[in-house]
């Protein structure tokens, strides 16, 4: 195992330096804070593909259609979308109140892509595209804000701790 030494006069490895650990945590949180934007960008790109009725993707063979069976009725898909948006908003607001959790978001992208797929298979994507799109922008924006807010708060706490440690080093 190679040891990297800090540039301060101390003679202990960087791995044992709490300041180094805090800097690594801050860097990680800064990367995580932008996850909401990446989710939104991926959703927008997926929406462009869906807006074209998935024309760039190959069509399914008749055997695959037989295996899948008949598509769900559009009114049931719409009911599921309605339940999903309220559930997702309530869960995201609950996580926001809880704080501390910077994970999540990817499941929302998956659910939204499934709704696009269900409407496409049912032949109703053109009629319901904007409902899924508005749901996606709403849920992913709220989730992105939650992640950003949580990361920003943890970064602030880590920076305060880092400043405290720096004052202790300067004092000694």
C-alpha atoms as a PDB file:
ATOM      1  CA  UNK A   1       0.000   0.000   0.000  1.00  0.00           C
ATOM      2  CA  UNK A   2       1.410   3.352  -0.951  1.00  0.00           C
ATOM      3  CA  UNK A   3       1.065   6.230   1.436  1.00  0.00           C
ATOM      4  CA  UNK A   4       0.561   9.790   0.321  1.00  0.00           C
ATOM      5  CA  UNK A   5       1.806  12.406   2.707  1.00  0.00           C
ATOM      6  CA  UNK A   6       0.032  15.664   3.263  1.00  0.00           C
ATOM      7  CA  UNK A   7       1.718  18.925   2.365  1.00  0.00           C
ATOM      8  CA  UNK A   8       1.378  20.231   5.897  1.00  0.00           C
ATOM      9  CA  UNK A   9       4.217  19.835   8.399  1.00  0.00           C
ATOM     10  CA  UNK A  10       2.491  16.899  10.116  1.00  0.00           C
ATOM     11  CA  UNK A  11       4.072  13.515   9.567  1.00  0.00           C
ATOM     12  CA  UNK A  12       0.969  11.365   9.259  1.00  0.00           C
ATOM     13  CA  UNK A  13      -0.507   9.923   6.074  1.00  0.00           C
ATOM     14  CA  UNK A  14      -3.248  11.833   4.280  1.00  0.00           C
ATOM     15  CA  UNK A  15      -5.653   8.942   4.880  1.00  0.00           C
ATOM     16  CA  UNK A  16      -5.478   9.645   8.630  1.00  0.00           C
ATOM     17  CA  UNK A  17      -5.972  13.386   8.200  1.00  0.00           C
ATOM     18  CA  UNK A  18      -9.591  14.339   8.960  1.00  0.00           C
ATOM     19  CA  UNK A  19      -9.167  17.429   6.779  1.00  0.00           C
ATOM     20  CA  UNK A  20      -8.382  15.262   3.772  1.00  0.00           C
ATOM     21  CA  UNK A  21     -11.413  13.086   4.517  1.00  0.00           C
ATOM     22  CA  UNK A  22     -13.629  16.165   4.717  1.00  0.00           C
ATOM     23  CA  UNK A  23     -12.269  17.488   1.416  1.00  0.00           C
ATOM     24  CA  UNK A  24     -13.018  14.135  -0.233  1.00  0.00           C
ATOM     25  CA  UNK A  25     -16.552  14.190   1.189  1.00  0.00           C
ATOM     26  CA  UNK A  26     -17.088  17.742  -0.059  1.00  0.00           C
ATOM     27  CA  UNK A  27     -15.880  16.786  -3.536  1.00  0.00           C
ATOM     28  CA  UNK A  28     -18.174  13.747  -3.587  1.00  0.00           C
ATOM     29  CA  UNK A  29     -21.160  15.815  -2.450  1.00  0.00           C
ATOM     30  CA  UNK A  30     -20.464  18.430  -5.127  1.00  0.00           C
ATOM     31  CA  UNK A  31     -20.661  15.700  -7.775  1.00  0.00           C
ATOM     32  CA  UNK A  32     -23.831  14.253  -6.244  1.00  0.00           C
ATOM     33  CA  UNK A  33     -25.483  17.681  -6.142  1.00  0.00           C
ATOM     34  CA  UNK A  34     -25.683  17.770  -9.934  1.00  0.00           C
ATOM     35  CA  UNK A  35     -27.348  14.351 -10.222  1.00  0.00           C
ATOM     36  CA  UNK A  36     -30.793  15.936 -10.453  1.00  0.00           C
ATOM     37  CA  UNK A  37     -29.738  17.895 -13.518  1.00  0.00           C
ATOM     38  CA  UNK A  38     -28.359  14.764 -15.165  1.00  0.00           C
ATOM     39  CA  UNK A  39     -31.623  12.936 -14.475  1.00  0.00           C
ATOM     40  CA  UNK A  40     -33.564  15.787 -16.032  1.00  0.00           C
ATOM     41  CA  UNK A  41     -31.283  15.833 -19.091  1.00  0.00           C
ATOM     42  CA  UNK A  42     -31.663  12.062 -19.551  1.00  0.00           C
ATOM     43  CA  UNK A  43     -35.425  12.413 -19.220  1.00  0.00           C
ATOM     44  CA  UNK A  44     -35.504  15.203 -21.813  1.00  0.00           C
ATOM     45  CA  UNK A  45     -33.447  13.093 -24.234  1.00  0.00           C
ATOM     46  CA  UNK A  46     -35.753  10.124 -23.629  1.00  0.00           C
ATOM     47  CA  UNK A  47     -38.737  12.400 -24.172  1.00  0.00           C
ATOM     48  CA  UNK A  48     -37.350  13.466 -27.546  1.00  0.00           C
ATOM     49  CA  UNK A  49     -37.139   9.806 -28.489  1.00  0.00           C
ATOM     50  CA  UNK A  50     -40.685   9.207 -27.232  1.00  0.00           C
ATOM     51  CA  UNK A  51     -42.004  12.298 -29.020  1.00  0.00           C
ATOM     52  CA  UNK A  52     -40.951  10.662 -32.269  1.00  0.00           C
ATOM     53  CA  UNK A  53     -42.920   7.551 -31.214  1.00  0.00           C
ATOM     54  CA  UNK A  54     -39.663   5.689 -30.624  1.00  0.00           C
ATOM     55  CA  UNK A  55     -39.043   5.750 -34.383  1.00  0.00           C
ATOM     56  CA  UNK A  56     -35.304   5.270 -33.926  1.00  0.00           C
ATOM     57  CA  UNK A  57     -35.801   1.964 -32.102  1.00  0.00           C
ATOM     58  CA  UNK A  58     -36.453  -1.309 -33.926  1.00  0.00           C
ATOM     59  CA  UNK A  59     -40.023  -2.613 -33.880  1.00  0.00           C
ATOM     60  CA  UNK A  60     -40.909  -5.721 -31.940  1.00  0.00           C
ATOM     61  CA  UNK A  61     -41.490  -8.962 -33.788  1.00  0.00           C
ATOM     62  CA  UNK A  62     -45.013 -10.452 -33.916  1.00  0.00           C
ATOM     63  CA  UNK A  63     -43.822 -13.280 -31.648  1.00  0.00           C
ATOM     64  CA  UNK A  64     -42.764 -10.739 -29.017  1.00  0.00           C
ATOM     65  CA  UNK A  65     -46.132  -8.965 -29.285  1.00  0.00           C
ATOM     66  CA  UNK A  66     -47.873 -12.319 -28.781  1.00  0.00           C
ATOM     67  CA  UNK A  67     -45.678 -13.024 -25.770  1.00  0.00           C
ATOM     68  CA  UNK A  68     -46.451  -9.622 -24.230  1.00  0.00           C
ATOM     69  CA  UNK A  69     -50.180  -9.960 -24.756  1.00  0.00           C
ATOM     70  CA  UNK A  70     -52.641  -7.112 -25.229  1.00  0.00           C
ATOM     71  CA  UNK A  71     -51.580  -3.652 -24.049  1.00  0.00           C
ATOM     72  CA  UNK A  72     -53.207  -2.147 -20.970  1.00  0.00           C
ATOM     73  CA  UNK A  73     -56.137   0.184 -21.634  1.00  0.00           C
ATOM     74  CA  UNK A  74     -55.113   3.868 -21.755  1.00  0.00           C
ATOM     75  CA  UNK A  75     -57.476   4.846 -18.937  1.00  0.00           C
ATOM     76  CA  UNK A  76     -55.704   2.408 -16.583  1.00  0.00           C
ATOM     77  CA  UNK A  77     -52.300   3.764 -17.602  1.00  0.00           C
ATOM     78  CA  UNK A  78     -53.585   7.287 -16.932  1.00  0.00           C
ATOM     79  CA  UNK A  79     -54.910   6.230 -13.524  1.00  0.00           C
ATOM     80  CA  UNK A  80     -51.526   4.702 -12.672  1.00  0.00           C
ATOM     81  CA  UNK A  81     -49.777   7.901 -13.832  1.00  0.00           C
ATOM     82  CA  UNK A  82     -52.110   9.961 -11.642  1.00  0.00           C
ATOM     83  CA  UNK A  83     -51.348   7.778  -8.599  1.00  0.00           C
ATOM     84  CA  UNK A  84     -47.631   7.849  -9.418  1.00  0.00           C
ATOM     85  CA  UNK A  85     -47.300  11.633  -9.574  1.00  0.00           C
ATOM     86  CA  UNK A  86     -48.935  12.176  -6.208  1.00  0.00           C
ATOM     87  CA  UNK A  87     -47.046   9.292  -4.592  1.00  0.00           C
ATOM     88  CA  UNK A  88     -43.722  10.505  -5.997  1.00  0.00           C
ATOM     89  CA  UNK A  89     -44.311  14.075  -4.840  1.00  0.00           C
ATOM     90  CA  UNK A  90     -45.345  12.973  -1.344  1.00  0.00           C
ATOM     91  CA  UNK A  91     -42.352  10.627  -1.031  1.00  0.00           C
ATOM     92  CA  UNK A  92     -39.945  13.287  -2.282  1.00  0.00           C
ATOM     93  CA  UNK A  93     -41.347  15.901   0.100  1.00  0.00           C
ATOM     94  CA  UNK A  94     -41.082  13.368   2.938  1.00  0.00           C
ATOM     95  CA  UNK A  95     -37.434  12.699   2.078  1.00  0.00           C
ATOM     96  CA  UNK A  96     -36.863  16.438   1.893  1.00  0.00           C
ATOM     97  CA  UNK A  97     -38.238  16.894   5.414  1.00  0.00           C
ATOM     98  CA  UNK A  98     -36.160  13.958   6.660  1.00  0.00           C
ATOM     99  CA  UNK A  99     -32.957  15.342   5.139  1.00  0.00           C
ATOM    100  CA  UNK A 100     -29.573  13.686   5.013  1.00  0.00           C
ATOM    101  CA  UNK A 101     -30.319  11.311   2.122  1.00  0.00           C
ATOM    102  CA  UNK A 102     -28.562  12.258  -1.106  1.00  0.00           C
ATOM    103  CA  UNK A 103     -29.486   9.042  -2.887  1.00  0.00           C
ATOM    104  CA  UNK A 104     -32.372   8.369  -5.232  1.00  0.00           C
ATOM    105  CA  UNK A 105     -33.862   9.782  -8.369  1.00  0.00           C
ATOM    106  CA  UNK A 106     -33.039   7.017 -10.826  1.00  0.00           C
ATOM    107  CA  UNK A 107     -36.213   5.087 -10.019  1.00  0.00           C
ATOM    108  CA  UNK A 108     -38.295   8.074 -11.119  1.00  0.00           C
ATOM    109  CA  UNK A 109     -36.588   8.096 -14.502  1.00  0.00           C
ATOM    110  CA  UNK A 110     -37.347   4.388 -14.853  1.00  0.00           C
ATOM    111  CA  UNK A 111     -41.020   4.803 -13.956  1.00  0.00           C
ATOM    112  CA  UNK A 112     -41.447   7.645 -16.425  1.00  0.00           C
ATOM    113  CA  UNK A 113     -39.863   5.632 -19.225  1.00  0.00           C
ATOM    114  CA  UNK A 114     -42.237   2.777 -18.419  1.00  0.00           C
ATOM    115  CA  UNK A 115     -45.204   5.155 -18.756  1.00  0.00           C
ATOM    116  CA  UNK A 116     -43.927   6.294 -22.148  1.00  0.00           C
ATOM    117  CA  UNK A 117     -43.561   2.634 -23.127  1.00  0.00           C
ATOM    118  CA  UNK A 118     -47.047   1.658 -21.936  1.00  0.00           C
ATOM    119  CA  UNK A 119     -48.670   4.505 -23.843  1.00  0.00           C
ATOM    120  CA  UNK A 120     -46.599   3.634 -26.916  1.00  0.00           C
ATOM    121  CA  UNK A 121     -47.625  -0.030 -26.796  1.00  0.00           C
ATOM    122  CA  UNK A 122     -51.262   0.989 -26.286  1.00  0.00           C
ATOM    123  CA  UNK A 123     -51.016   3.263 -29.347  1.00  0.00           C
ATOM    124  CA  UNK A 124     -51.869   6.343 -27.266  1.00  0.00           C
ATOM    125  CA  UNK A 125     -48.477   7.984 -26.813  1.00  0.00           C
ATOM    126  CA  UNK A 126     -49.295  10.972 -29.002  1.00  0.00           C
ATOM    127  CA  UNK A 127     -52.422  11.740 -26.973  1.00  0.00           C
ATOM    128  CA  UNK A 128     -50.725  11.334 -23.576  1.00  0.00           C
ATOM    129  CA  UNK A 129     -47.164  12.470 -24.255  1.00  0.00           C
ATOM    130  CA  UNK A 130     -47.555  15.846 -22.556  1.00  0.00           C
ATOM    131  CA  UNK A 131     -49.068  14.309 -19.421  1.00  0.00           C
ATOM    132  CA  UNK A 132     -46.021  12.066 -18.955  1.00  0.00           C
ATOM    133  CA  UNK A 133     -43.683  14.921 -19.883  1.00  0.00           C
ATOM    134  CA  UNK A 134     -45.228  17.327 -17.353  1.00  0.00           C
ATOM    135  CA  UNK A 135     -45.178  14.609 -14.702  1.00  0.00           C
ATOM    136  CA  UNK A 136     -41.519  13.901 -15.402  1.00  0.00           C
ATOM    137  CA  UNK A 137     -40.418  17.515 -15.329  1.00  0.00           C
ATOM    138  CA  UNK A 138     -42.332  18.089 -12.083  1.00  0.00           C
ATOM    139  CA  UNK A 139     -41.124  14.993 -10.242  1.00  0.00           C
ATOM    140  CA  UNK A 140     -37.524  15.128 -11.473  1.00  0.00           C
ATOM    141  CA  UNK A 141     -37.230  18.859 -10.755  1.00  0.00           C
ATOM    142  CA  UNK A 142     -38.485  18.337  -7.223  1.00  0.00           C
ATOM    143  CA  UNK A 143     -36.198  15.328  -6.733  1.00  0.00           C
ATOM    144  CA  UNK A 144     -33.255  17.262  -8.181  1.00  0.00           C
ATOM    145  CA  UNK A 145     -33.913  20.154  -5.836  1.00  0.00           C
ATOM    146  CA  UNK A 146     -34.109  17.748  -2.892  1.00  0.00           C
ATOM    147  CA  UNK A 147     -30.762  16.159  -3.770  1.00  0.00           C
ATOM    148  CA  UNK A 148     -29.108  19.538  -4.411  1.00  0.00           C
ATOM    149  CA  UNK A 149     -30.459  21.014  -1.176  1.00  0.00           C
ATOM    150  CA  UNK A 150     -29.348  18.029   0.897  1.00  0.00           C
ATOM    151  CA  UNK A 151     -25.863  18.008  -0.656  1.00  0.00           C
ATOM    152  CA  UNK A 152     -25.506  21.763  -0.204  1.00  0.00           C
ATOM    153  CA  UNK A 153     -26.400  21.487   3.473  1.00  0.00           C
ATOM    154  CA  UNK A 154     -23.899  18.666   4.023  1.00  0.00           C
ATOM    155  CA  UNK A 155     -21.204  20.609   2.130  1.00  0.00           C
ATOM    156  CA  UNK A 156     -21.835  23.622   4.365  1.00  0.00           C
ATOM    157  CA  UNK A 157     -21.519  21.452   7.494  1.00  0.00           C
ATOM    158  CA  UNK A 158     -18.319  19.826   6.212  1.00  0.00           C
ATOM    159  CA  UNK A 159     -16.796  23.209   5.364  1.00  0.00           C
ATOM    160  CA  UNK A 160     -17.594  24.486   8.845  1.00  0.00           C
ATOM    161  CA  UNK A 161     -15.908  21.427  10.320  1.00  0.00           C
ATOM    162  CA  UNK A 162     -12.937  21.908   7.983  1.00  0.00           C
ATOM    163  CA  UNK A 163     -12.590  25.541   9.085  1.00  0.00           C
ATOM    164  CA  UNK A 164     -12.723  24.429  12.719  1.00  0.00           C
ATOM    165  CA  UNK A 165      -9.960  21.876  12.088  1.00  0.00           C
ATOM    166  CA  UNK A 166      -7.872  24.466  10.218  1.00  0.00           C
ATOM    167  CA  UNK A 167      -8.166  26.868  13.168  1.00  0.00           C
ATOM    168  CA  UNK A 168      -7.030  24.082  15.496  1.00  0.00           C
ATOM    169  CA  UNK A 169      -3.991  23.388  13.290  1.00  0.00           C
ATOM    170  CA  UNK A 170      -3.164  27.096  13.103  1.00  0.00           C
ATOM    171  CA  UNK A 171      -3.535  27.385  16.867  1.00  0.00           C
ATOM    172  CA  UNK A 172      -1.059  24.593  17.595  1.00  0.00           C
END
